Amino acid sequence: MNWYFLIAAALSFLTAFVHAYFGGREVDAIIQTSKNLGIDIRTISQIVWHSVTVSFIMMGGFCLKYSFSVANKDLIIYLLIQILAFSALFIFYNLTKFGDILHYIQWVIFLTIGAFILLGYRNALS
């Protein structure tokens, strides 16, 4: 068993839940009830919101699979790029919009998941 991938899977599933449930209540619900935004903007926002949730569920699923089987190098690289891109987006917008890297701290869990995926992959190679 590859414990690093298992931890990455658990963190990915937890992140999907927190994003969908708590983030949905704090962010998406406000967007959806806004009278200032048109139906097109609200619909696109919901699609993007749920796409991120799906991304974390899929990431968790692949990491769970690789906890018990051989990892696919190309897919691991994709997952690492995706999670690093999520991290970079939060860091970039924190700095450019708020001048503070800690305004939104989601990038911390994203980098943590990425670290466990990388450790899992390195462990699978040895």
N, C-alpha and C. Protein backbone atom coordinates (compact mmCIF):
# COMPACT_ATOMS: atom_id res chain seq x y z
N MET A 1 0.84 -1.19 0.00
CA MET A 1 0.00 0.00 0.00
C MET A 1 0.88 1.25 0.00
N ASN A 2 0.47 2.24 -0.77
CA ASN A 2 1.19 3.50 -0.85
C ASN A 2 0.42 4.52 0.01
N TRP A 3 0.93 4.74 1.21
CA TRP A 3 0.26 5.61 2.19
C TRP A 3 0.21 7.06 1.73
N TYR A 4 1.21 7.49 0.99
CA TYR A 4 1.21 8.87 0.51
C TYR A 4 0.03 9.14 -0.43
N PHE A 5 -0.20 8.22 -1.35
CA PHE A 5 -1.35 8.37 -2.24
C PHE A 5 -2.66 8.28 -1.45
N LEU A 6 -2.69 7.42 -0.45
CA LEU A 6 -3.90 7.29 0.37
C LEU A 6 -4.20 8.59 1.11
N ILE A 7 -3.16 9.23 1.65
CA ILE A 7 -3.35 10.51 2.33
C ILE A 7 -3.77 11.58 1.32
N ALA A 8 -3.16 11.60 0.15
CA ALA A 8 -3.55 12.56 -0.90
C ALA A 8 -5.01 12.34 -1.29
N ALA A 9 -5.43 11.08 -1.38
CA ALA A 9 -6.83 10.79 -1.70
C ALA A 9 -7.76 11.33 -0.62
N ALA A 10 -7.44 11.05 0.63
CA ALA A 10 -8.28 11.52 1.73
C ALA A 10 -8.37 13.04 1.74
N LEU A 11 -7.24 13.72 1.55
CA LEU A 11 -7.24 15.18 1.52
C LEU A 11 -8.02 15.72 0.32
N SER A 12 -7.93 15.05 -0.81
CA SER A 12 -8.68 15.48 -1.99
C SER A 12 -10.18 15.33 -1.78
N PHE A 13 -10.59 14.20 -1.22
CA PHE A 13 -12.02 13.99 -0.95
C PHE A 13 -12.52 15.00 0.10
N LEU A 14 -11.72 15.24 1.13
CA LEU A 14 -12.08 16.21 2.15
C LEU A 14 -12.20 17.61 1.54
N THR A 15 -11.26 17.96 0.68
CA THR A 15 -11.29 19.26 0.02
C THR A 15 -12.54 19.40 -0.86
N ALA A 16 -12.89 18.34 -1.57
CA ALA A 16 -14.11 18.36 -2.40
C ALA A 16 -15.34 18.61 -1.53
N PHE A 17 -15.41 17.92 -0.39
CA PHE A 17 -16.55 18.09 0.51
C PHE A 17 -16.61 19.52 1.06
N VAL A 18 -15.49 20.01 1.56
CA VAL A 18 -15.45 21.36 2.14
C VAL A 18 -15.81 22.39 1.06
N HIS A 19 -15.25 22.21 -0.14
CA HIS A 19 -15.53 23.13 -1.25
C HIS A 19 -17.02 23.13 -1.58
N ALA A 20 -17.60 21.94 -1.75
CA ALA A 20 -19.00 21.84 -2.16
C ALA A 20 -19.96 22.29 -1.06
N TYR A 21 -19.70 21.84 0.16
CA TYR A 21 -20.66 22.10 1.24
C TYR A 21 -20.47 23.48 1.86
N PHE A 22 -19.31 23.70 2.44
CA PHE A 22 -19.09 24.97 3.14
C PHE A 22 -18.86 26.12 2.17
N GLY A 23 -18.04 25.89 1.16
CA GLY A 23 -17.81 26.94 0.17
C GLY A 23 -19.07 27.27 -0.60
N GLY A 24 -19.85 26.24 -0.88
CA GLY A 24 -21.12 26.46 -1.56
C GLY A 24 -22.04 27.37 -0.76
N ARG A 25 -22.05 27.18 0.55
CA ARG A 25 -22.89 28.02 1.42
C ARG A 25 -22.35 29.44 1.52
N GLU A 26 -21.02 29.56 1.60
CA GLU A 26 -20.41 30.87 1.81
C GLU A 26 -20.22 31.68 0.53
N VAL A 27 -20.03 31.00 -0.59
CA VAL A 27 -19.71 31.73 -1.82
C VAL A 27 -20.77 31.51 -2.90
N ASP A 28 -20.96 30.26 -3.29
CA ASP A 28 -21.86 30.00 -4.42
C ASP A 28 -23.29 30.43 -4.13
N ALA A 29 -23.76 30.21 -2.93
CA ALA A 29 -25.13 30.61 -2.60
C ALA A 29 -25.32 32.11 -2.73
N ILE A 30 -24.31 32.87 -2.36
CA ILE A 30 -24.39 34.33 -2.48
C ILE A 30 -24.43 34.74 -3.95
N ILE A 31 -23.60 34.10 -4.76
CA ILE A 31 -23.59 34.39 -6.19
C ILE A 31 -24.95 34.04 -6.80
N GLN A 32 -25.48 32.88 -6.44
CA GLN A 32 -26.73 32.42 -7.04
C GLN A 32 -27.94 33.27 -6.65
N THR A 33 -27.90 33.91 -5.50
CA THR A 33 -29.03 34.73 -5.06
C THR A 33 -28.83 36.21 -5.38
N SER A 34 -27.70 36.56 -5.99
CA SER A 34 -27.43 37.95 -6.33
C SER A 34 -28.39 38.44 -7.40
N LYS A 35 -29.01 39.56 -7.14
CA LYS A 35 -29.92 40.17 -8.12
C LYS A 35 -29.14 41.00 -9.15
N ASN A 36 -27.86 41.28 -8.85
CA ASN A 36 -27.04 42.10 -9.74
C ASN A 36 -26.38 41.30 -10.85
N LEU A 37 -26.41 39.98 -10.74
CA LEU A 37 -25.78 39.13 -11.75
C LEU A 37 -26.85 38.47 -12.60
N GLY A 38 -26.62 38.44 -13.90
CA GLY A 38 -27.57 37.81 -14.81
C GLY A 38 -27.52 36.29 -14.70
N ILE A 39 -28.52 35.65 -15.28
CA ILE A 39 -28.64 34.19 -15.23
C ILE A 39 -27.44 33.52 -15.90
N ASP A 40 -26.90 34.13 -16.95
CA ASP A 40 -25.74 33.55 -17.64
C ASP A 40 -24.53 33.51 -16.71
N ILE A 41 -24.26 34.61 -16.04
CA ILE A 41 -23.11 34.67 -15.12
C ILE A 41 -23.31 33.70 -13.97
N ARG A 42 -24.52 33.65 -13.41
CA ARG A 42 -24.78 32.72 -12.30
C ARG A 42 -24.64 31.27 -12.74
N THR A 43 -25.08 30.96 -13.95
CA THR A 43 -24.99 29.59 -14.45
C THR A 43 -23.54 29.20 -14.69
N ILE A 44 -22.78 30.07 -15.35
CA ILE A 44 -21.35 29.77 -15.59
C ILE A 44 -20.62 29.62 -14.27
N SER A 45 -20.93 30.47 -13.32
CA SER A 45 -20.31 30.38 -12.00
C SER A 45 -20.59 29.03 -11.35
N GLN A 46 -21.83 28.57 -11.44
CA GLN A 46 -22.18 27.27 -10.86
C GLN A 46 -21.47 26.13 -11.58
N ILE A 47 -21.38 26.20 -12.89
CA ILE A 47 -20.67 25.17 -13.64
C ILE A 47 -19.20 25.12 -13.22
N VAL A 48 -18.56 26.27 -13.15
CA VAL A 48 -17.15 26.32 -12.74
C VAL A 48 -17.01 25.83 -11.30
N TRP A 49 -17.92 26.25 -10.43
CA TRP A 49 -17.87 25.85 -9.02
C TRP A 49 -17.91 24.31 -8.91
N HIS A 50 -18.86 23.71 -9.56
CA HIS A 50 -19.00 22.26 -9.47
C HIS A 50 -17.91 21.52 -10.23
N SER A 51 -17.35 22.14 -11.26
CA SER A 51 -16.22 21.53 -11.97
C SER A 51 -15.01 21.38 -11.05
N VAL A 52 -14.78 22.36 -10.21
CA VAL A 52 -13.68 22.27 -9.25
C VAL A 52 -13.94 21.12 -8.27
N THR A 53 -15.17 20.99 -7.80
CA THR A 53 -15.51 19.88 -6.91
C THR A 53 -15.24 18.55 -7.60
N VAL A 54 -15.68 18.43 -8.84
CA VAL A 54 -15.46 17.20 -9.61
C VAL A 54 -13.96 16.93 -9.77
N SER A 55 -13.18 17.97 -10.00
CA SER A 55 -11.73 17.80 -10.14
C SER A 55 -11.12 17.18 -8.89
N PHE A 56 -11.54 17.65 -7.73
CA PHE A 56 -11.00 17.09 -6.49
C PHE A 56 -11.50 15.66 -6.24
N ILE A 57 -12.72 15.37 -6.61
CA ILE A 57 -13.22 14.00 -6.46
C ILE A 57 -12.44 13.06 -7.38
N MET A 58 -12.21 13.49 -8.62
CA MET A 58 -11.44 12.65 -9.54
C MET A 58 -10.00 12.48 -9.07
N MET A 59 -9.40 13.56 -8.58
CA MET A 59 -8.04 13.48 -8.06
C MET A 59 -7.99 12.48 -6.90
N GLY A 60 -8.96 12.58 -6.01
CA GLY A 60 -9.04 11.63 -4.90
C GLY A 60 -9.21 10.21 -5.37
N GLY A 61 -10.03 10.02 -6.39
CA GLY A 61 -10.27 8.68 -6.92
C GLY A 61 -9.01 8.06 -7.51
N PHE A 62 -8.27 8.85 -8.28
CA PHE A 62 -7.03 8.32 -8.86
C PHE A 62 -5.99 8.06 -7.78
N CYS A 63 -5.89 8.95 -6.81
CA CYS A 63 -4.93 8.73 -5.72
C CYS A 63 -5.31 7.49 -4.92
N LEU A 64 -6.60 7.29 -4.70
CA LEU A 64 -7.04 6.09 -3.99
C LEU A 64 -6.67 4.84 -4.78
N LYS A 65 -6.92 4.88 -6.08
CA LYS A 65 -6.56 3.75 -6.94
C LYS A 65 -5.07 3.46 -6.85
N TYR A 66 -4.24 4.52 -6.91
CA TYR A 66 -2.79 4.34 -6.89
C TYR A 66 -2.27 3.98 -5.51
N SER A 67 -3.10 4.05 -4.51
CA SER A 67 -2.71 3.57 -3.19
C SER A 67 -2.53 2.05 -3.20
N PHE A 68 -3.24 1.40 -4.12
CA PHE A 68 -3.25 -0.05 -4.16
C PHE A 68 -2.73 -0.63 -5.48
N SER A 69 -2.37 0.23 -6.44
CA SER A 69 -1.92 -0.28 -7.74
C SER A 69 -0.80 0.60 -8.28
N VAL A 70 -0.30 0.24 -9.43
CA VAL A 70 0.79 0.98 -10.06
C VAL A 70 0.26 2.31 -10.58
N ALA A 71 1.00 3.37 -10.30
CA ALA A 71 0.60 4.71 -10.73
C ALA A 71 0.95 4.94 -12.20
N ASN A 72 0.09 5.67 -12.88
CA ASN A 72 0.33 6.08 -14.25
C ASN A 72 1.10 7.39 -14.23
N LYS A 73 2.32 7.38 -14.75
CA LYS A 73 3.20 8.55 -14.69
C LYS A 73 2.55 9.78 -15.30
N ASP A 74 1.98 9.65 -16.49
CA ASP A 74 1.39 10.80 -17.17
C ASP A 74 0.23 11.40 -16.37
N LEU A 75 -0.59 10.55 -15.79
CA LEU A 75 -1.71 11.06 -15.01
C LEU A 75 -1.23 11.72 -13.72
N ILE A 76 -0.20 11.18 -13.11
CA ILE A 76 0.36 11.80 -11.91
C ILE A 76 0.91 13.18 -12.24
N ILE A 77 1.60 13.30 -13.37
CA ILE A 77 2.11 14.61 -13.79
C ILE A 77 0.96 15.58 -14.02
N TYR A 78 -0.10 15.11 -14.64
CA TYR A 78 -1.28 15.95 -14.84
C TYR A 78 -1.85 16.41 -13.50
N LEU A 79 -2.02 15.49 -12.57
CA LEU A 79 -2.57 15.85 -11.26
C LEU A 79 -1.69 16.86 -10.54
N LEU A 80 -0.38 16.67 -10.65
CA LEU A 80 0.55 17.62 -10.02
C LEU A 80 0.45 19.00 -10.66
N ILE A 81 0.40 19.05 -11.98
CA ILE A 81 0.27 20.34 -12.67
C ILE A 81 -1.04 21.01 -12.28
N GLN A 82 -2.11 20.24 -12.24
CA GLN A 82 -3.42 20.80 -11.89
C GLN A 82 -3.42 21.38 -10.48
N ILE A 83 -2.91 20.65 -9.52
CA ILE A 83 -2.94 21.12 -8.13
C ILE A 83 -1.98 22.28 -7.94
N LEU A 84 -0.86 22.28 -8.65
CA LEU A 84 0.06 23.42 -8.60
C LEU A 84 -0.57 24.65 -9.26
N ALA A 85 -1.33 24.45 -10.32
CA ALA A 85 -2.01 25.57 -10.97
C ALA A 85 -3.06 26.17 -10.04
N PHE A 86 -3.82 25.32 -9.35
CA PHE A 86 -4.79 25.83 -8.37
C PHE A 86 -4.07 26.66 -7.31
N SER A 87 -2.96 26.15 -6.82
CA SER A 87 -2.18 26.87 -5.80
C SER A 87 -1.70 28.21 -6.35
N ALA A 88 -1.14 28.19 -7.55
CA ALA A 88 -0.60 29.41 -8.15
C ALA A 88 -1.68 30.45 -8.36
N LEU A 89 -2.87 30.02 -8.77
CA LEU A 89 -3.96 30.97 -8.96
C LEU A 89 -4.32 31.67 -7.65
N PHE A 90 -4.43 30.92 -6.58
CA PHE A 90 -4.76 31.52 -5.29
C PHE A 90 -3.65 32.45 -4.81
N ILE A 91 -2.42 32.04 -4.97
CA ILE A 91 -1.29 32.89 -4.54
C ILE A 91 -1.26 34.16 -5.38
N PHE A 92 -1.38 34.03 -6.69
CA PHE A 92 -1.35 35.19 -7.58
C PHE A 92 -2.45 36.18 -7.24
N TYR A 93 -3.68 35.70 -7.12
CA TYR A 93 -4.80 36.62 -6.86
C TYR A 93 -4.77 37.15 -5.43
N ASN A 94 -4.28 36.38 -4.50
CA ASN A 94 -4.09 36.92 -3.15
C ASN A 94 -3.16 38.13 -3.20
N LEU A 95 -2.04 37.97 -3.89
CA LEU A 95 -1.04 39.05 -3.93
C LEU A 95 -1.52 40.24 -4.77
N THR A 96 -2.13 39.97 -5.92
CA THR A 96 -2.51 41.08 -6.80
C THR A 96 -3.78 41.79 -6.37
N LYS A 97 -4.70 41.10 -5.75
CA LYS A 97 -5.97 41.72 -5.35
C LYS A 97 -5.96 42.21 -3.90
N PHE A 98 -5.23 41.51 -3.04
CA PHE A 98 -5.28 41.83 -1.61
C PHE A 98 -3.93 42.22 -1.02
N GLY A 99 -2.85 41.98 -1.77
CA GLY A 99 -1.52 42.29 -1.26
C GLY A 99 -1.14 41.44 -0.07
N ASP A 100 -1.80 40.30 0.07
CA ASP A 100 -1.61 39.44 1.24
C ASP A 100 -1.74 37.98 0.80
N ILE A 101 -0.70 37.22 0.98
CA ILE A 101 -0.71 35.82 0.55
C ILE A 101 -1.68 34.96 1.37
N LEU A 102 -2.07 35.45 2.52
CA LEU A 102 -2.92 34.66 3.42
C LEU A 102 -4.39 35.04 3.38
N HIS A 103 -4.79 35.90 2.44
CA HIS A 103 -6.20 36.28 2.38
C HIS A 103 -7.09 35.06 2.17
N TYR A 104 -6.76 34.29 1.16
CA TYR A 104 -7.41 32.99 0.93
C TYR A 104 -6.31 31.94 1.08
N ILE A 105 -6.46 31.03 2.02
CA ILE A 105 -5.37 30.09 2.31
C ILE A 105 -5.57 28.71 1.69
N GLN A 106 -6.48 28.59 0.75
CA GLN A 106 -6.72 27.30 0.11
C GLN A 106 -5.45 26.73 -0.52
N TRP A 107 -4.56 27.60 -0.96
CA TRP A 107 -3.33 27.14 -1.62
C TRP A 107 -2.51 26.24 -0.69
N VAL A 108 -2.67 26.40 0.62
CA VAL A 108 -1.90 25.57 1.55
C VAL A 108 -2.33 24.11 1.44
N ILE A 109 -3.63 23.85 1.42
CA ILE A 109 -4.10 22.46 1.30
C ILE A 109 -3.77 21.92 -0.09
N PHE A 110 -3.84 22.78 -1.11
CA PHE A 110 -3.51 22.34 -2.46
C PHE A 110 -2.05 21.90 -2.54
N LEU A 111 -1.15 22.70 -2.00
CA LEU A 111 0.26 22.32 -2.01
C LEU A 111 0.51 21.07 -1.17
N THR A 112 -0.23 20.92 -0.09
CA THR A 112 -0.10 19.73 0.75
C THR A 112 -0.51 18.48 -0.03
N ILE A 113 -1.63 18.57 -0.72
CA ILE A 113 -2.07 17.44 -1.56
C ILE A 113 -1.01 17.14 -2.61
N GLY A 114 -0.50 18.18 -3.26
CA GLY A 114 0.55 18.00 -4.27
C GLY A 114 1.78 17.33 -3.70
N ALA A 115 2.16 17.72 -2.50
CA ALA A 115 3.34 17.11 -1.86
C ALA A 115 3.12 15.62 -1.63
N PHE A 116 1.93 15.25 -1.18
CA PHE A 116 1.66 13.83 -0.95
C PHE A 116 1.57 13.05 -2.26
N ILE A 117 1.06 13.67 -3.31
CA ILE A 117 1.06 13.00 -4.62
C ILE A 117 2.49 12.79 -5.09
N LEU A 118 3.33 13.80 -4.95
CA LEU A 118 4.73 13.67 -5.35
C LEU A 118 5.44 12.61 -4.52
N LEU A 119 5.22 12.63 -3.22
CA LEU A 119 5.83 11.60 -2.36
C LEU A 119 5.32 10.20 -2.71
N GLY A 120 4.05 10.10 -3.02
CA GLY A 120 3.48 8.83 -3.42
C GLY A 120 4.09 8.31 -4.70
N TYR A 121 4.29 9.22 -5.64
CA TYR A 121 4.89 8.82 -6.90
C TYR A 121 6.35 8.40 -6.70
N ARG A 122 7.09 9.17 -5.91
CA ARG A 122 8.49 8.82 -5.63
C ARG A 122 8.57 7.47 -4.91
N ASN A 123 7.63 7.23 -4.00
CA ASN A 123 7.59 5.97 -3.27
C ASN A 123 7.29 4.81 -4.22
N ALA A 124 6.40 5.06 -5.19
CA ALA A 124 6.05 4.01 -6.16
C ALA A 124 7.24 3.66 -7.04
N LEU A 125 8.11 4.63 -7.31
CA LEU A 125 9.27 4.37 -8.15
C LEU A 125 10.35 3.53 -7.44
N SER A 126 10.38 3.61 -6.12
CA SER A 126 11.45 2.90 -5.39
C SER A 126 11.08 1.46 -5.08
